[in-house]
Amino acid sequence: MERSLQEQTAILGSMTIGGSVVVIENPAGLLQVCLDAGAKRVLIPIASAGKIATIPPDLFSKFQISFYEDPIDAVYALI
């Protein structure tokens, strides 16, 4: 695509062998790791949107959060 990737971005989630994106079980813990690593923008699977309420507001507010439906969607969100 010949475009630069955005720095300080983390993509959370994993994918099954069939291509489905898996729900994140501990988003607060993963966001803490992202914060410690210096991330400012985080992409989260839309399948995990229901877990957002489990993230402390002070941690959630430290990031620019975007959602993605599938890995291709995540790639386009990076550029």
N, C-alpha and C. Protein backbone atom coordinates (compact mmCIF):
# COMPACT_ATOMS: atom_id res chain seq x y z
N MET A 1 0.82 -1.19 0.00
CA MET A 1 0.00 0.00 0.00
C MET A 1 0.87 1.25 0.00
N GLU A 2 2.15 1.09 0.29
CA GLU A 2 3.12 2.18 0.24
C GLU A 2 2.72 3.38 1.09
N ARG A 3 2.26 3.10 2.30
CA ARG A 3 1.91 4.16 3.24
C ARG A 3 2.57 3.86 4.57
N SER A 4 2.86 4.90 5.33
CA SER A 4 3.47 4.72 6.64
C SER A 4 2.42 4.28 7.65
N LEU A 5 2.84 3.45 8.58
CA LEU A 5 1.95 3.04 9.66
C LEU A 5 1.97 4.09 10.76
N GLN A 6 0.89 4.19 11.50
CA GLN A 6 0.83 5.13 12.61
C GLN A 6 1.64 4.58 13.78
N GLU A 7 2.49 5.41 14.33
CA GLU A 7 3.30 5.00 15.47
C GLU A 7 2.46 4.92 16.73
N GLN A 8 2.97 4.22 17.71
CA GLN A 8 2.36 4.08 19.03
C GLN A 8 0.94 3.51 18.95
N THR A 9 0.75 2.54 18.03
CA THR A 9 -0.55 1.89 17.85
C THR A 9 -0.43 0.42 18.21
N ALA A 10 -1.41 -0.08 18.94
CA ALA A 10 -1.47 -1.49 19.29
C ALA A 10 -2.78 -2.07 18.75
N ILE A 11 -2.70 -3.30 18.26
CA ILE A 11 -3.90 -4.00 17.80
C ILE A 11 -4.12 -5.17 18.74
N LEU A 12 -5.24 -5.18 19.41
CA LEU A 12 -5.57 -6.26 20.33
C LEU A 12 -6.45 -7.28 19.64
N GLY A 13 -6.36 -8.52 20.09
CA GLY A 13 -7.22 -9.58 19.57
C GLY A 13 -6.43 -10.66 18.89
N SER A 14 -7.11 -11.73 18.63
CA SER A 14 -6.53 -12.85 17.90
C SER A 14 -7.58 -13.41 16.96
N MET A 15 -7.12 -14.29 16.07
CA MET A 15 -7.98 -14.80 15.04
C MET A 15 -7.93 -16.33 15.06
N THR A 16 -9.06 -16.96 14.81
CA THR A 16 -9.09 -18.41 14.72
C THR A 16 -8.56 -18.84 13.36
N ILE A 17 -8.30 -20.11 13.21
CA ILE A 17 -7.82 -20.63 11.93
C ILE A 17 -8.85 -20.42 10.82
N GLY A 18 -10.12 -20.31 11.21
CA GLY A 18 -11.17 -20.05 10.23
C GLY A 18 -11.32 -18.59 9.86
N GLY A 19 -10.58 -17.71 10.53
CA GLY A 19 -10.61 -16.29 10.20
C GLY A 19 -11.50 -15.44 11.08
N SER A 20 -12.14 -16.03 12.09
CA SER A 20 -12.99 -15.25 13.00
C SER A 20 -12.14 -14.56 14.05
N VAL A 21 -12.51 -13.35 14.39
CA VAL A 21 -11.81 -12.61 15.44
C VAL A 21 -12.38 -13.03 16.79
N VAL A 22 -11.49 -13.33 17.73
CA VAL A 22 -11.87 -13.84 19.04
C VAL A 22 -12.08 -12.68 20.02
N VAL A 23 -13.08 -12.81 20.89
CA VAL A 23 -13.36 -11.80 21.91
C VAL A 23 -12.19 -11.73 22.90
N ILE A 24 -11.80 -10.53 23.28
CA ILE A 24 -10.75 -10.31 24.27
C ILE A 24 -11.33 -10.56 25.65
N GLU A 25 -10.69 -11.41 26.43
CA GLU A 25 -11.20 -11.76 27.76
C GLU A 25 -10.81 -10.76 28.84
N ASN A 26 -9.67 -10.11 28.73
CA ASN A 26 -9.19 -9.20 29.77
C ASN A 26 -8.73 -7.88 29.14
N PRO A 27 -9.66 -7.07 28.63
CA PRO A 27 -9.24 -5.84 27.96
C PRO A 27 -8.52 -4.86 28.88
N ALA A 28 -8.91 -4.78 30.14
CA ALA A 28 -8.25 -3.84 31.06
C ALA A 28 -6.78 -4.22 31.24
N GLY A 29 -6.50 -5.49 31.40
CA GLY A 29 -5.12 -5.94 31.55
C GLY A 29 -4.29 -5.67 30.31
N LEU A 30 -4.89 -5.92 29.14
CA LEU A 30 -4.18 -5.67 27.89
C LEU A 30 -3.94 -4.17 27.67
N LEU A 31 -4.92 -3.36 28.03
CA LEU A 31 -4.72 -1.91 27.88
C LEU A 31 -3.63 -1.40 28.83
N GLN A 32 -3.51 -2.00 30.00
CA GLN A 32 -2.44 -1.61 30.92
C GLN A 32 -1.08 -1.94 30.31
N VAL A 33 -0.98 -3.09 29.67
CA VAL A 33 0.27 -3.46 28.98
C VAL A 33 0.56 -2.47 27.86
N CYS A 34 -0.47 -2.10 27.10
CA CYS A 34 -0.31 -1.12 26.02
C CYS A 34 0.17 0.22 26.57
N LEU A 35 -0.40 0.65 27.67
CA LEU A 35 0.00 1.91 28.29
C LEU A 35 1.46 1.85 28.73
N ASP A 36 1.83 0.76 29.36
CA ASP A 36 3.22 0.59 29.81
C ASP A 36 4.21 0.57 28.65
N ALA A 37 3.75 0.10 27.48
CA ALA A 37 4.60 0.03 26.30
C ALA A 37 4.63 1.34 25.51
N GLY A 38 3.81 2.30 25.90
CA GLY A 38 3.82 3.60 25.24
C GLY A 38 2.80 3.79 24.13
N ALA A 39 1.84 2.89 24.02
CA ALA A 39 0.81 3.02 22.98
C ALA A 39 -0.13 4.18 23.32
N LYS A 40 -0.58 4.86 22.29
CA LYS A 40 -1.54 5.94 22.46
C LYS A 40 -2.84 5.64 21.72
N ARG A 41 -2.75 4.77 20.73
CA ARG A 41 -3.92 4.38 19.95
C ARG A 41 -4.04 2.86 20.00
N VAL A 42 -5.26 2.37 20.22
CA VAL A 42 -5.48 0.94 20.33
C VAL A 42 -6.67 0.54 19.47
N LEU A 43 -6.48 -0.52 18.69
CA LEU A 43 -7.56 -1.10 17.91
C LEU A 43 -8.07 -2.33 18.64
N ILE A 44 -9.38 -2.40 18.82
CA ILE A 44 -10.02 -3.48 19.57
C ILE A 44 -11.06 -4.14 18.67
N PRO A 45 -11.17 -5.46 18.72
CA PRO A 45 -12.21 -6.12 17.91
C PRO A 45 -13.60 -5.66 18.33
N ILE A 46 -14.46 -5.42 17.36
CA ILE A 46 -15.82 -4.99 17.67
C ILE A 46 -16.55 -6.08 18.48
N ALA A 47 -16.12 -7.32 18.33
CA ALA A 47 -16.72 -8.41 19.10
C ALA A 47 -16.49 -8.24 20.61
N SER A 48 -15.50 -7.44 20.97
CA SER A 48 -15.18 -7.20 22.39
C SER A 48 -15.79 -5.91 22.93
N ALA A 49 -16.61 -5.25 22.15
CA ALA A 49 -17.19 -3.97 22.58
C ALA A 49 -17.99 -4.11 23.87
N GLY A 50 -18.60 -5.24 24.10
CA GLY A 50 -19.37 -5.45 25.32
C GLY A 50 -18.51 -5.48 26.58
N LYS A 51 -17.24 -5.71 26.43
CA LYS A 51 -16.32 -5.77 27.57
C LYS A 51 -15.76 -4.39 27.96
N ILE A 52 -16.08 -3.36 27.19
CA ILE A 52 -15.56 -2.01 27.45
C ILE A 52 -15.95 -1.54 28.85
N ALA A 53 -17.12 -1.93 29.30
CA ALA A 53 -17.59 -1.50 30.63
C ALA A 53 -16.72 -2.02 31.75
N THR A 54 -15.90 -3.04 31.49
CA THR A 54 -15.03 -3.60 32.52
C THR A 54 -13.71 -2.85 32.65
N ILE A 55 -13.48 -1.89 31.77
CA ILE A 55 -12.23 -1.12 31.78
C ILE A 55 -12.41 0.13 32.64
N PRO A 56 -11.52 0.35 33.61
CA PRO A 56 -11.63 1.57 34.42
C PRO A 56 -11.57 2.82 33.53
N PRO A 57 -12.44 3.79 33.78
CA PRO A 57 -12.49 5.00 32.94
C PRO A 57 -11.16 5.74 32.86
N ASP A 58 -10.39 5.79 33.95
CA ASP A 58 -9.11 6.51 33.90
C ASP A 58 -8.12 5.82 32.96
N LEU A 59 -8.19 4.50 32.83
CA LEU A 59 -7.33 3.77 31.89
C LEU A 59 -7.84 3.94 30.46
N PHE A 60 -9.13 3.80 30.27
CA PHE A 60 -9.74 3.92 28.95
C PHE A 60 -9.48 5.30 28.34
N SER A 61 -9.51 6.33 29.16
CA SER A 61 -9.35 7.71 28.66
C SER A 61 -7.95 8.03 28.17
N LYS A 62 -6.99 7.19 28.44
CA LYS A 62 -5.61 7.44 28.03
C LYS A 62 -5.34 7.07 26.57
N PHE A 63 -6.34 6.48 25.89
CA PHE A 63 -6.13 5.99 24.54
C PHE A 63 -7.14 6.56 23.57
N GLN A 64 -6.73 6.59 22.31
CA GLN A 64 -7.66 6.79 21.21
C GLN A 64 -8.06 5.37 20.79
N ILE A 65 -9.31 5.01 21.00
CA ILE A 65 -9.79 3.66 20.76
C ILE A 65 -10.52 3.60 19.41
N SER A 66 -10.19 2.60 18.62
CA SER A 66 -10.90 2.32 17.38
C SER A 66 -11.28 0.84 17.39
N PHE A 67 -12.32 0.50 16.67
CA PHE A 67 -12.77 -0.88 16.60
C PHE A 67 -12.57 -1.40 15.19
N TYR A 68 -12.37 -2.73 15.09
CA TYR A 68 -12.28 -3.38 13.79
C TYR A 68 -13.10 -4.65 13.79
N GLU A 69 -13.58 -5.02 12.60
CA GLU A 69 -14.40 -6.23 12.46
C GLU A 69 -13.57 -7.45 12.09
N ASP A 70 -12.57 -7.26 11.24
CA ASP A 70 -11.74 -8.37 10.79
C ASP A 70 -10.32 -7.85 10.57
N PRO A 71 -9.36 -8.74 10.36
CA PRO A 71 -7.97 -8.30 10.19
C PRO A 71 -7.76 -7.30 9.06
N ILE A 72 -8.51 -7.43 7.97
CA ILE A 72 -8.36 -6.49 6.86
C ILE A 72 -8.81 -5.09 7.29
N ASP A 73 -9.89 -5.03 8.04
CA ASP A 73 -10.38 -3.77 8.59
C ASP A 73 -9.32 -3.14 9.50
N ALA A 74 -8.64 -3.96 10.28
CA ALA A 74 -7.60 -3.46 11.18
C ALA A 74 -6.44 -2.86 10.40
N VAL A 75 -6.06 -3.50 9.31
CA VAL A 75 -4.96 -2.98 8.48
C VAL A 75 -5.32 -1.62 7.92
N TYR A 76 -6.51 -1.46 7.43
CA TYR A 76 -6.92 -0.17 6.86
C TYR A 76 -7.01 0.91 7.96
N ALA A 77 -7.30 0.51 9.19
CA ALA A 77 -7.35 1.47 10.27
C ALA A 77 -5.96 1.96 10.66
N LEU A 78 -4.94 1.20 10.31
CA LEU A 78 -3.56 1.58 10.65
C LEU A 78 -2.99 2.66 9.75
N ILE A 79 -3.53 2.80 8.58
CA ILE A 79 -2.92 3.75 7.63
C ILE A 79 -3.75 5.01 7.50
